Amino acid sequence: MTVKVYSTTSCPYCVMAKKFLSAHNIEYQDINVGEDKAAADEMVEKSGQRGVPVLDINGTIIIGFDMGAIKQALGLP
């Protein structure tokens, strides 16, 4: 399973998303779009917007910290 979290250091919802993944022992790649312009462009291409967090879970794009959508994409109850 591939999980990417597009985030910034100042985003509280990004922190919550990463804590949620860690709490469920889900490994993820944290991509700081505030420091990486190419990653920011990739995120916009995938999601159609600049807001963070954006999660890419096996190709399923989730915008914001949407716990229900994250659980569903991960197959969690």
C-alpha atoms as a PDB file:
ATOM      1  CA  MET A   1       0.000   0.000   0.000  1.00  0.00           C
ATOM      2  CA  THR A   2       1.291   3.429  -0.909  1.00  0.00           C
ATOM      3  CA  VAL A   3       0.232   6.402   1.202  1.00  0.00           C
ATOM      4  CA  LYS A   4       1.434   9.936   0.526  1.00  0.00           C
ATOM      5  CA  VAL A   5       0.504  12.942   2.653  1.00  0.00           C
ATOM      6  CA  TYR A   6       1.001  16.287   0.960  1.00  0.00           C
ATOM      7  CA  SER A   7       1.330  18.772   3.806  1.00  0.00           C
ATOM      8  CA  THR A   8       2.948  21.902   5.205  1.00  0.00           C
ATOM      9  CA  THR A   9       4.591  22.445   8.576  1.00  0.00           C
ATOM     10  CA  SER A  10       1.994  25.011   9.693  1.00  0.00           C
ATOM     11  CA  CYS A  11      -1.145  22.991   8.877  1.00  0.00           C
ATOM     12  CA  PRO A  12      -2.971  21.595  11.942  1.00  0.00           C
ATOM     13  CA  TYR A  13      -5.123  19.264   9.821  1.00  0.00           C
ATOM     14  CA  CYS A  14      -1.975  17.823   8.271  1.00  0.00           C
ATOM     15  CA  VAL A  15      -0.700  17.004  11.760  1.00  0.00           C
ATOM     16  CA  MET A  16      -4.028  15.340  12.625  1.00  0.00           C
ATOM     17  CA  ALA A  17      -3.960  13.258   9.425  1.00  0.00           C
ATOM     18  CA  LYS A  18      -0.408  12.061  10.104  1.00  0.00           C
ATOM     19  CA  LYS A  19      -1.222  11.272  13.755  1.00  0.00           C
ATOM     20  CA  PHE A  20      -4.262   9.285  12.609  1.00  0.00           C
ATOM     21  CA  LEU A  21      -2.143   7.234  10.188  1.00  0.00           C
ATOM     22  CA  SER A  22       0.552   6.655  12.821  1.00  0.00           C
ATOM     23  CA  ALA A  23      -2.049   5.595  15.389  1.00  0.00           C
ATOM     24  CA  HIS A  24      -3.202   2.903  12.949  1.00  0.00           C
ATOM     25  CA  ASN A  25       0.383   1.813  12.169  1.00  0.00           C
ATOM     26  CA  ILE A  26       0.082   2.986   8.563  1.00  0.00           C
ATOM     27  CA  GLU A  27       3.401   3.911   6.979  1.00  0.00           C
ATOM     28  CA  TYR A  28       3.245   7.026   4.841  1.00  0.00           C
ATOM     29  CA  GLN A  29       5.448   9.372   2.879  1.00  0.00           C
ATOM     30  CA  ASP A  30       5.225  12.931   4.209  1.00  0.00           C
ATOM     31  CA  ILE A  31       5.687  15.412   1.378  1.00  0.00           C
ATOM     32  CA  ASN A  32       6.167  19.037   2.423  1.00  0.00           C
ATOM     33  CA  VAL A  33       4.703  21.083  -0.420  1.00  0.00           C
ATOM     34  CA  GLY A  34       5.801  24.299   1.281  1.00  0.00           C
ATOM     35  CA  GLU A  35       9.433  23.370   0.602  1.00  0.00           C
ATOM     36  CA  ASP A  36       9.115  21.359  -2.621  1.00  0.00           C
ATOM     37  CA  LYS A  37       7.633  23.176  -5.629  1.00  0.00           C
ATOM     38  CA  ALA A  38       7.627  20.051  -7.814  1.00  0.00           C
ATOM     39  CA  ALA A  39       5.668  18.177  -5.128  1.00  0.00           C
ATOM     40  CA  ALA A  40       3.232  21.098  -4.826  1.00  0.00           C
ATOM     41  CA  ASP A  41       2.663  20.981  -8.592  1.00  0.00           C
ATOM     42  CA  GLU A  42       2.137  17.198  -8.395  1.00  0.00           C
ATOM     43  CA  MET A  43      -0.409  17.674  -5.595  1.00  0.00           C
ATOM     44  CA  VAL A  44      -2.347  20.291  -7.590  1.00  0.00           C
ATOM     45  CA  GLU A  45      -2.329  18.022 -10.636  1.00  0.00           C
ATOM     46  CA  LYS A  46      -3.750  15.136  -8.584  1.00  0.00           C
ATOM     47  CA  SER A  47      -6.267  17.085  -6.486  1.00  0.00           C
ATOM     48  CA  GLY A  48      -7.079  20.181  -8.518  1.00  0.00           C
ATOM     49  CA  GLN A  49      -6.366  22.480  -5.595  1.00  0.00           C
ATOM     50  CA  ARG A  50      -3.651  23.968  -3.425  1.00  0.00           C
ATOM     51  CA  GLY A  51      -5.153  23.287   0.020  1.00  0.00           C
ATOM     52  CA  VAL A  52      -3.541  20.771   2.342  1.00  0.00           C
ATOM     53  CA  PRO A  53      -3.609  18.077   3.457  1.00  0.00           C
ATOM     54  CA  VAL A  54      -4.078  15.969   0.369  1.00  0.00           C
ATOM     55  CA  LEU A  55      -3.715  12.234   0.851  1.00  0.00           C
ATOM     56  CA  ASP A  56      -2.987   9.820  -1.966  1.00  0.00           C
ATOM     57  CA  ILE A  57      -3.870   6.306  -0.797  1.00  0.00           C
ATOM     58  CA  ASN A  58      -3.149   3.814  -3.585  1.00  0.00           C
ATOM     59  CA  GLY A  59      -4.321   6.414  -6.121  1.00  0.00           C
ATOM     60  CA  THR A  60      -7.408   7.472  -4.170  1.00  0.00           C
ATOM     61  CA  ILE A  61      -7.160  11.226  -3.604  1.00  0.00           C
ATOM     62  CA  ILE A  62      -8.587  12.588  -0.360  1.00  0.00           C
ATOM     63  CA  ILE A  63      -8.702  16.327   0.175  1.00  0.00           C
ATOM     64  CA  GLY A  64      -8.533  17.501   3.775  1.00  0.00           C
ATOM     65  CA  PHE A  65      -8.622  15.425   6.941  1.00  0.00           C
ATOM     66  CA  ASP A  66     -11.711  13.366   6.042  1.00  0.00           C
ATOM     67  CA  MET A  67     -11.468  10.536   8.558  1.00  0.00           C
ATOM     68  CA  GLY A  68     -14.313   8.517   6.996  1.00  0.00           C
ATOM     69  CA  ALA A  69     -12.808   8.658   3.517  1.00  0.00           C
ATOM     70  CA  ILE A  70      -9.342   7.837   4.895  1.00  0.00           C
ATOM     71  CA  LYS A  71     -10.672   4.808   6.780  1.00  0.00           C
ATOM     72  CA  GLN A  72     -12.531   3.618   3.704  1.00  0.00           C
ATOM     73  CA  ALA A  73      -9.479   3.995   1.436  1.00  0.00           C
ATOM     74  CA  LEU A  74      -7.353   2.089   3.982  1.00  0.00           C
ATOM     75  CA  GLY A  75      -9.982  -0.608   4.565  1.00  0.00           C
ATOM     76  CA  LEU A  76     -10.283   0.257   8.261  1.00  0.00           C
ATOM     77  CA  PRO A  77     -13.501  -0.324  10.214  1.00  0.00           C
END
